[in-house]
Amino acid sequence: MAENLHKGHRERVRRKFIELGFDGFDKHEILELLLFYSRPRVDTNEIAHRLLDKFKTITAVCDADIDELKEVNGIDESSAVLLKMIPLLTKEYLSGVGRNCVLREYRTVCDFFTKQFIGEREEKIRIACLDDKLRLIKCSIISDGVPGNVPVNIRKIVEFAFKNKSENIILAHNHPNGDAIPSDDDLRATSALYNTLKPIGINLLDHIIVAGDDAISLKESGAFSLLK
């Protein structure tokens, strides 16, 4: 009888999602539904509550390390991997949606890169190559490392731009544990990159710094006026 009730509950939750999406779902119900697919014979409602008790928000749950997730009673490795896939899948989805976007206005550029850094807990440098109409050709990670210590590899940037036949690039990196205010090192690295690329015909159009859902354009903030 208990098994039938459990099966009926899962079917009702699935049907609710099919009809309404996540409208009307509590936070724990979203996690409960997701965990149906990694824990088919376990009460995932209780596990969902434990996750929120520990991490407080769904965002924090998905951003947690796999080992941290496995500390929660009921979360096995399959469940932890499933949860970690969510922000990365979201980023891939948004990347596909924005593949034909035009990165001309600084707000559009900031919004684009904010989505590119979803779920990142390490500092990374990304480069976007644009065509002559400022349409996105390709965006990729150039280097990564611990926060505050990610080298700007100029050789890789040049190779990436030439490979994608692009004369226009935008640099972006994240501050995963801080705010989006540029550091002195950020400004020096931007200046060095700008002055290295200009003589070989590659235009550094902007440098975006992302921290969570905040982003700053160095060009819009006036920092680029010092490079010319």
C-alpha atoms as a PDB file:
ATOM      1  CA  MET A   1       0.000   0.000   0.000  1.00  0.00           C
ATOM      2  CA  ALA A   2       2.794   2.440   0.968  1.00  0.00           C
ATOM      3  CA  GLU A   3       4.566   1.742  -2.326  1.00  0.00           C
ATOM      4  CA  ASN A   4       1.389   2.485  -4.286  1.00  0.00           C
ATOM      5  CA  LEU A   5       0.911   5.772  -2.415  1.00  0.00           C
ATOM      6  CA  HIS A   6       4.530   6.689  -3.101  1.00  0.00           C
ATOM      7  CA  LYS A   7       4.143   5.900  -6.797  1.00  0.00           C
ATOM      8  CA  GLY A   8       0.929   7.899  -6.939  1.00  0.00           C
ATOM      9  CA  HIS A   9       2.609  10.900  -5.324  1.00  0.00           C
ATOM     10  CA  ARG A  10       5.418  10.879  -7.865  1.00  0.00           C
ATOM     11  CA  GLU A  11       2.956  10.694 -10.730  1.00  0.00           C
ATOM     12  CA  ARG A  12       1.019  13.666  -9.325  1.00  0.00           C
ATOM     13  CA  VAL A  13       4.209  15.741  -9.034  1.00  0.00           C
ATOM     14  CA  ARG A  14       5.239  14.851 -12.599  1.00  0.00           C
ATOM     15  CA  ARG A  15       1.776  15.685 -13.907  1.00  0.00           C
ATOM     16  CA  LYS A  16       1.854  19.029 -12.101  1.00  0.00           C
ATOM     17  CA  PHE A  17       5.143  19.875 -13.809  1.00  0.00           C
ATOM     18  CA  ILE A  18       3.867  18.805 -17.236  1.00  0.00           C
ATOM     19  CA  GLU A  19       0.839  21.061 -16.854  1.00  0.00           C
ATOM     20  CA  LEU A  20       2.351  24.064 -15.062  1.00  0.00           C
ATOM     21  CA  GLY A  21       6.130  23.909 -15.317  1.00  0.00           C
ATOM     22  CA  PHE A  22       7.571  25.076 -12.004  1.00  0.00           C
ATOM     23  CA  ASP A  23       4.736  27.561 -11.407  1.00  0.00           C
ATOM     24  CA  GLY A  24       3.222  26.734  -8.047  1.00  0.00           C
ATOM     25  CA  PHE A  25       6.166  24.556  -6.986  1.00  0.00           C
ATOM     26  CA  ASP A  26       7.869  25.171  -3.664  1.00  0.00           C
ATOM     27  CA  LYS A  27      11.680  25.100  -3.730  1.00  0.00           C
ATOM     28  CA  HIS A  28      11.845  21.678  -2.108  1.00  0.00           C
ATOM     29  CA  GLU A  29       9.373  20.285  -4.654  1.00  0.00           C
ATOM     30  CA  ILE A  30      11.664  21.309  -7.518  1.00  0.00           C
ATOM     31  CA  LEU A  31      14.539  19.374  -5.973  1.00  0.00           C
ATOM     32  CA  GLU A  32      12.215  16.509  -5.080  1.00  0.00           C
ATOM     33  CA  LEU A  33      11.139  16.135  -8.711  1.00  0.00           C
ATOM     34  CA  LEU A  34      14.700  16.332  -9.991  1.00  0.00           C
ATOM     35  CA  LEU A  35      15.838  13.622  -7.590  1.00  0.00           C
ATOM     36  CA  PHE A  36      13.110  11.265  -8.817  1.00  0.00           C
ATOM     37  CA  TYR A  37      15.492  10.448 -11.676  1.00  0.00           C
ATOM     38  CA  SER A  38      18.470   9.485  -9.515  1.00  0.00           C
ATOM     39  CA  ARG A  39      16.658   7.936  -6.539  1.00  0.00           C
ATOM     40  CA  PRO A  40      13.719   6.006  -8.054  1.00  0.00           C
ATOM     41  CA  ARG A  41      12.753   4.136  -4.866  1.00  0.00           C
ATOM     42  CA  VAL A  42      13.486   6.687  -2.150  1.00  0.00           C
ATOM     43  CA  ASP A  43      11.402   9.457  -0.584  1.00  0.00           C
ATOM     44  CA  THR A  44      13.117  12.401  -2.247  1.00  0.00           C
ATOM     45  CA  ASN A  45      10.891  14.924  -0.477  1.00  0.00           C
ATOM     46  CA  GLU A  46      12.856  14.409   2.727  1.00  0.00           C
ATOM     47  CA  ILE A  47      16.172  14.605   0.867  1.00  0.00           C
ATOM     48  CA  ALA A  48      15.103  17.868  -0.775  1.00  0.00           C
ATOM     49  CA  HIS A  49      14.340  19.380   2.618  1.00  0.00           C
ATOM     50  CA  ARG A  50      17.746  18.259   3.928  1.00  0.00           C
ATOM     51  CA  LEU A  51      19.477  19.923   0.964  1.00  0.00           C
ATOM     52  CA  LEU A  52      17.707  23.228   1.576  1.00  0.00           C
ATOM     53  CA  ASP A  53      18.327  23.023   5.305  1.00  0.00           C
ATOM     54  CA  LYS A  54      22.067  22.758   4.589  1.00  0.00           C
ATOM     55  CA  PHE A  55      22.489  25.042   1.549  1.00  0.00           C
ATOM     56  CA  LYS A  56      19.418  27.338   1.907  1.00  0.00           C
ATOM     57  CA  THR A  57      18.794  27.933  -1.832  1.00  0.00           C
ATOM     58  CA  ILE A  58      18.607  25.858  -5.021  1.00  0.00           C
ATOM     59  CA  THR A  59      21.430  27.960  -6.455  1.00  0.00           C
ATOM     60  CA  ALA A  60      23.674  27.081  -3.513  1.00  0.00           C
ATOM     61  CA  VAL A  61      22.701  23.416  -3.830  1.00  0.00           C
ATOM     62  CA  CYS A  62      23.733  23.299  -7.495  1.00  0.00           C
ATOM     63  CA  ASP A  63      26.913  25.288  -6.861  1.00  0.00           C
ATOM     64  CA  ALA A  64      28.080  23.015  -4.032  1.00  0.00           C
ATOM     65  CA  ASP A  65      30.927  20.570  -4.589  1.00  0.00           C
ATOM     66  CA  ILE A  66      30.042  16.922  -5.167  1.00  0.00           C
ATOM     67  CA  ASP A  67      31.673  15.931  -1.878  1.00  0.00           C
ATOM     68  CA  GLU A  68      29.638  18.572  -0.032  1.00  0.00           C
ATOM     69  CA  LEU A  69      26.427  17.285  -1.594  1.00  0.00           C
ATOM     70  CA  LYS A  70      27.242  13.698  -0.634  1.00  0.00           C
ATOM     71  CA  GLU A  71      27.422  14.775   3.008  1.00  0.00           C
ATOM     72  CA  VAL A  72      23.627  15.142   2.914  1.00  0.00           C
ATOM     73  CA  ASN A  73      21.842  11.947   3.942  1.00  0.00           C
ATOM     74  CA  GLY A  74      20.237  10.421   0.839  1.00  0.00           C
ATOM     75  CA  ILE A  75      22.502  12.050  -1.750  1.00  0.00           C
ATOM     76  CA  ASP A  76      24.599   9.429  -3.510  1.00  0.00           C
ATOM     77  CA  GLU A  77      27.124  10.145  -6.250  1.00  0.00           C
ATOM     78  CA  SER A  78      24.552   9.858  -9.044  1.00  0.00           C
ATOM     79  CA  SER A  79      22.338  12.430  -7.332  1.00  0.00           C
ATOM     80  CA  ALA A  80      25.272  14.776  -6.735  1.00  0.00           C
ATOM     81  CA  VAL A  81      26.323  14.555 -10.393  1.00  0.00           C
ATOM     82  CA  LEU A  82      22.745  15.218 -11.504  1.00  0.00           C
ATOM     83  CA  LEU A  83      22.566  18.361  -9.354  1.00  0.00           C
ATOM     84  CA  LYS A  84      25.949  19.580 -10.600  1.00  0.00           C
ATOM     85  CA  MET A  85      24.781  19.172 -14.197  1.00  0.00           C
ATOM     86  CA  ILE A  86      22.016  21.766 -13.769  1.00  0.00           C
ATOM     87  CA  PRO A  87      24.066  25.013 -13.919  1.00  0.00           C
ATOM     88  CA  LEU A  88      26.330  23.595 -16.625  1.00  0.00           C
ATOM     89  CA  LEU A  89      23.358  22.487 -18.705  1.00  0.00           C
ATOM     90  CA  THR A  90      21.789  25.912 -18.185  1.00  0.00           C
ATOM     91  CA  LYS A  91      24.955  27.556 -19.445  1.00  0.00           C
ATOM     92  CA  GLU A  92      25.045  25.325 -22.528  1.00  0.00           C
ATOM     93  CA  TYR A  93      21.395  26.099 -23.228  1.00  0.00           C
ATOM     94  CA  LEU A  94      21.895  29.849 -22.898  1.00  0.00           C
ATOM     95  CA  SER A  95      25.027  29.664 -25.022  1.00  0.00           C
ATOM     96  CA  GLY A  96      23.000  28.081 -27.810  1.00  0.00           C
ATOM     97  CA  VAL A  97      20.263  30.693 -27.481  1.00  0.00           C
ATOM     98  CA  GLY A  98      22.815  33.503 -27.772  1.00  0.00           C
ATOM     99  CA  ARG A  99      24.912  31.987 -30.535  1.00  0.00           C
ATOM    100  CA  ASN A 100      23.676  34.454 -33.162  1.00  0.00           C
ATOM    101  CA  CYS A 101      23.603  37.479 -30.872  1.00  0.00           C
ATOM    102  CA  VAL A 102      25.147  40.830 -31.704  1.00  0.00           C
ATOM    103  CA  LEU A 103      27.500  42.059 -28.983  1.00  0.00           C
ATOM    104  CA  ARG A 104      27.386  45.785 -29.659  1.00  0.00           C
ATOM    105  CA  GLU A 105      25.703  47.389 -26.648  1.00  0.00           C
ATOM    106  CA  TYR A 106      27.595  47.058 -23.377  1.00  0.00           C
ATOM    107  CA  ARG A 107      24.497  45.888 -21.489  1.00  0.00           C
ATOM    108  CA  THR A 108      24.057  43.066 -23.994  1.00  0.00           C
ATOM    109  CA  VAL A 109      27.720  42.162 -23.631  1.00  0.00           C
ATOM    110  CA  CYS A 110      27.525  42.162 -19.815  1.00  0.00           C
ATOM    111  CA  ASP A 111      24.381  40.042 -19.868  1.00  0.00           C
ATOM    112  CA  PHE A 112      25.968  37.566 -22.280  1.00  0.00           C
ATOM    113  CA  PHE A 113      29.054  37.027 -20.139  1.00  0.00           C
ATOM    114  CA  THR A 114      27.096  36.906 -16.885  1.00  0.00           C
ATOM    115  CA  LYS A 115      25.340  33.842 -18.290  1.00  0.00           C
ATOM    116  CA  GLN A 116      28.630  32.351 -19.485  1.00  0.00           C
ATOM    117  CA  PHE A 117      29.945  32.273 -15.909  1.00  0.00           C
ATOM    118  CA  ILE A 118      26.890  30.661 -14.317  1.00  0.00           C
ATOM    119  CA  GLY A 119      27.960  28.119 -11.692  1.00  0.00           C
ATOM    120  CA  GLU A 120      31.691  28.867 -11.967  1.00  0.00           C
ATOM    121  CA  ARG A 121      33.523  28.668  -8.631  1.00  0.00           C
ATOM    122  CA  GLU A 122      36.998  29.153 -10.086  1.00  0.00           C
ATOM    123  CA  GLU A 123      38.314  32.230 -11.845  1.00  0.00           C
ATOM    124  CA  LYS A 124      38.352  31.833 -15.626  1.00  0.00           C
ATOM    125  CA  ILE A 125      39.129  33.974 -18.640  1.00  0.00           C
ATOM    126  CA  ARG A 126      36.856  33.800 -21.658  1.00  0.00           C
ATOM    127  CA  ILE A 127      37.288  35.293 -25.089  1.00  0.00           C
ATOM    128  CA  ALA A 128      34.487  36.070 -27.523  1.00  0.00           C
ATOM    129  CA  CYS A 129      35.379  36.404 -31.200  1.00  0.00           C
ATOM    130  CA  LEU A 130      33.134  38.674 -33.277  1.00  0.00           C
ATOM    131  CA  ASP A 131      32.731  39.298 -36.991  1.00  0.00           C
ATOM    132  CA  ASP A 132      32.884  42.749 -38.590  1.00  0.00           C
ATOM    133  CA  LYS A 133      29.221  43.337 -37.673  1.00  0.00           C
ATOM    134  CA  LEU A 134      29.940  42.381 -34.046  1.00  0.00           C
ATOM    135  CA  ARG A 135      28.021  39.125 -34.290  1.00  0.00           C
ATOM    136  CA  LEU A 136      29.312  36.361 -32.064  1.00  0.00           C
ATOM    137  CA  ILE A 137      31.469  33.774 -33.852  1.00  0.00           C
ATOM    138  CA  LYS A 138      32.671  31.758 -30.877  1.00  0.00           C
ATOM    139  CA  CYS A 139      33.253  32.135 -27.150  1.00  0.00           C
ATOM    140  CA  SER A 140      35.660  29.932 -25.216  1.00  0.00           C
ATOM    141  CA  ILE A 141      37.688  29.646 -22.010  1.00  0.00           C
ATOM    142  CA  ILE A 142      41.309  30.639 -22.579  1.00  0.00           C
ATOM    143  CA  SER A 143      42.701  30.036 -19.096  1.00  0.00           C
ATOM    144  CA  ASP A 144      41.596  29.262 -15.555  1.00  0.00           C
ATOM    145  CA  GLY A 145      42.970  28.894 -12.047  1.00  0.00           C
ATOM    146  CA  VAL A 146      42.565  29.995  -8.468  1.00  0.00           C
ATOM    147  CA  PRO A 147      40.821  33.327  -7.784  1.00  0.00           C
ATOM    148  CA  GLY A 148      43.131  36.299  -8.205  1.00  0.00           C
ATOM    149  CA  ASN A 149      45.813  34.332 -10.028  1.00  0.00           C
ATOM    150  CA  VAL A 150      44.717  33.554 -13.586  1.00  0.00           C
ATOM    151  CA  PRO A 151      47.325  34.405 -16.221  1.00  0.00           C
ATOM    152  CA  VAL A 152      46.344  36.210 -19.413  1.00  0.00           C
ATOM    153  CA  ASN A 153      47.921  34.009 -22.084  1.00  0.00           C
ATOM    154  CA  ILE A 154      48.361  36.396 -24.989  1.00  0.00           C
ATOM    155  CA  ARG A 155      49.636  33.674 -27.338  1.00  0.00           C
ATOM    156  CA  LYS A 156      46.459  31.615 -26.831  1.00  0.00           C
ATOM    157  CA  ILE A 157      44.293  34.677 -27.368  1.00  0.00           C
ATOM    158  CA  VAL A 158      46.023  35.502 -30.648  1.00  0.00           C
ATOM    159  CA  GLU A 159      45.788  31.891 -31.843  1.00  0.00           C
ATOM    160  CA  PHE A 160      42.100  31.751 -30.918  1.00  0.00           C
ATOM    161  CA  ALA A 161      41.349  34.981 -32.797  1.00  0.00           C
ATOM    162  CA  PHE A 162      43.247  33.880 -35.906  1.00  0.00           C
ATOM    163  CA  LYS A 163      41.682  30.407 -35.835  1.00  0.00           C
ATOM    164  CA  ASN A 164      38.211  31.981 -35.839  1.00  0.00           C
ATOM    165  CA  LYS A 165      39.192  34.572 -38.469  1.00  0.00           C
ATOM    166  CA  SER A 166      38.232  37.388 -36.155  1.00  0.00           C
ATOM    167  CA  GLU A 167      39.710  40.866 -35.846  1.00  0.00           C
ATOM    168  CA  ASN A 168      37.408  41.784 -32.958  1.00  0.00           C
ATOM    169  CA  ILE A 169      37.497  40.182 -29.525  1.00  0.00           C
ATOM    170  CA  ILE A 170      36.047  40.800 -26.083  1.00  0.00           C
ATOM    171  CA  LEU A 171      37.856  39.604 -22.978  1.00  0.00           C
ATOM    172  CA  ALA A 172      35.936  38.567 -19.867  1.00  0.00           C
ATOM    173  CA  HIS A 173      36.818  37.037 -16.527  1.00  0.00           C
ATOM    174  CA  ASN A 174      35.017  36.381 -13.281  1.00  0.00           C
ATOM    175  CA  HIS A 175      35.577  37.236  -9.633  1.00  0.00           C
ATOM    176  CA  PRO A 176      33.871  34.218  -8.009  1.00  0.00           C
ATOM    177  CA  ASN A 177      34.559  35.309  -4.432  1.00  0.00           C
ATOM    178  CA  GLY A 178      34.338  39.072  -4.727  1.00  0.00           C
ATOM    179  CA  ASP A 179      32.710  41.965  -6.524  1.00  0.00           C
ATOM    180  CA  ALA A 180      33.034  43.082 -10.132  1.00  0.00           C
ATOM    181  CA  ILE A 181      35.274  46.071  -9.393  1.00  0.00           C
ATOM    182  CA  PRO A 182      38.461  45.817 -11.503  1.00  0.00           C
ATOM    183  CA  SER A 183      41.730  45.448  -9.616  1.00  0.00           C
ATOM    184  CA  ASP A 184      44.971  47.214 -10.540  1.00  0.00           C
ATOM    185  CA  ASP A 185      46.170  43.882 -11.974  1.00  0.00           C
ATOM    186  CA  ASP A 186      43.037  43.715 -14.150  1.00  0.00           C
ATOM    187  CA  LEU A 187      43.763  47.184 -15.545  1.00  0.00           C
ATOM    188  CA  ARG A 188      47.436  46.432 -16.167  1.00  0.00           C
ATOM    189  CA  ALA A 189      46.632  43.133 -17.902  1.00  0.00           C
ATOM    190  CA  THR A 190      44.024  44.858 -20.094  1.00  0.00           C
ATOM    191  CA  SER A 191      46.482  47.564 -21.084  1.00  0.00           C
ATOM    192  CA  ALA A 192      49.200  45.044 -21.942  1.00  0.00           C
ATOM    193  CA  LEU A 193      46.799  42.946 -23.998  1.00  0.00           C
ATOM    194  CA  TYR A 194      45.340  45.952 -25.829  1.00  0.00           C
ATOM    195  CA  ASN A 195      48.769  47.297 -26.773  1.00  0.00           C
ATOM    196  CA  THR A 196      50.012  43.861 -27.864  1.00  0.00           C
ATOM    197  CA  LEU A 197      47.018  43.054 -30.049  1.00  0.00           C
ATOM    198  CA  LYS A 198      46.588  46.425 -31.769  1.00  0.00           C
ATOM    199  CA  PRO A 199      49.762  46.282 -33.919  1.00  0.00           C
ATOM    200  CA  ILE A 200      48.813  42.844 -35.288  1.00  0.00           C
ATOM    201  CA  GLY A 201      45.314  43.955 -36.287  1.00  0.00           C
ATOM    202  CA  ILE A 202      43.229  42.489 -33.457  1.00  0.00           C
ATOM    203  CA  ASN A 203      40.846  44.879 -31.734  1.00  0.00           C
ATOM    204  CA  LEU A 204      40.194  44.382 -28.018  1.00  0.00           C
ATOM    205  CA  LEU A 205      36.722  45.912 -27.863  1.00  0.00           C
ATOM    206  CA  ASP A 206      36.042  45.521 -24.164  1.00  0.00           C
ATOM    207  CA  HIS A 207      36.953  43.696 -20.969  1.00  0.00           C
ATOM    208  CA  ILE A 208      34.046  42.479 -18.849  1.00  0.00           C
ATOM    209  CA  ILE A 209      34.378  41.509 -15.190  1.00  0.00           C
ATOM    210  CA  VAL A 210      31.641  39.290 -13.765  1.00  0.00           C
ATOM    211  CA  ALA A 211      30.805  38.604 -10.124  1.00  0.00           C
ATOM    212  CA  GLY A 212      27.644  36.558  -9.642  1.00  0.00           C
ATOM    213  CA  ASP A 213      24.820  38.394 -11.398  1.00  0.00           C
ATOM    214  CA  ASP A 214      26.785  41.656 -11.580  1.00  0.00           C
ATOM    215  CA  ALA A 215      29.087  42.692 -14.418  1.00  0.00           C
ATOM    216  CA  ILE A 216      31.194  45.736 -15.259  1.00  0.00           C
ATOM    217  CA  SER A 217      32.387  46.865 -18.683  1.00  0.00           C
ATOM    218  CA  LEU A 218      35.832  48.455 -18.492  1.00  0.00           C
ATOM    219  CA  LYS A 219      35.140  50.332 -21.707  1.00  0.00           C
ATOM    220  CA  GLU A 220      31.849  51.737 -20.417  1.00  0.00           C
ATOM    221  CA  SER A 221      33.452  52.659 -17.084  1.00  0.00           C
ATOM    222  CA  GLY A 222      36.065  54.779 -18.900  1.00  0.00           C
ATOM    223  CA  ALA A 223      39.106  52.566 -18.325  1.00  0.00           C
ATOM    224  CA  PHE A 224      39.650  52.088 -22.061  1.00  0.00           C
ATOM    225  CA  SER A 225      40.167  55.828 -22.592  1.00  0.00           C
ATOM    226  CA  LEU A 226      43.508  55.404 -20.815  1.00  0.00           C
ATOM    227  CA  LEU A 227      44.635  52.773 -23.329  1.00  0.00           C
ATOM    228  CA  LYS A 228      44.609  55.010 -26.382  1.00  0.00           C
END
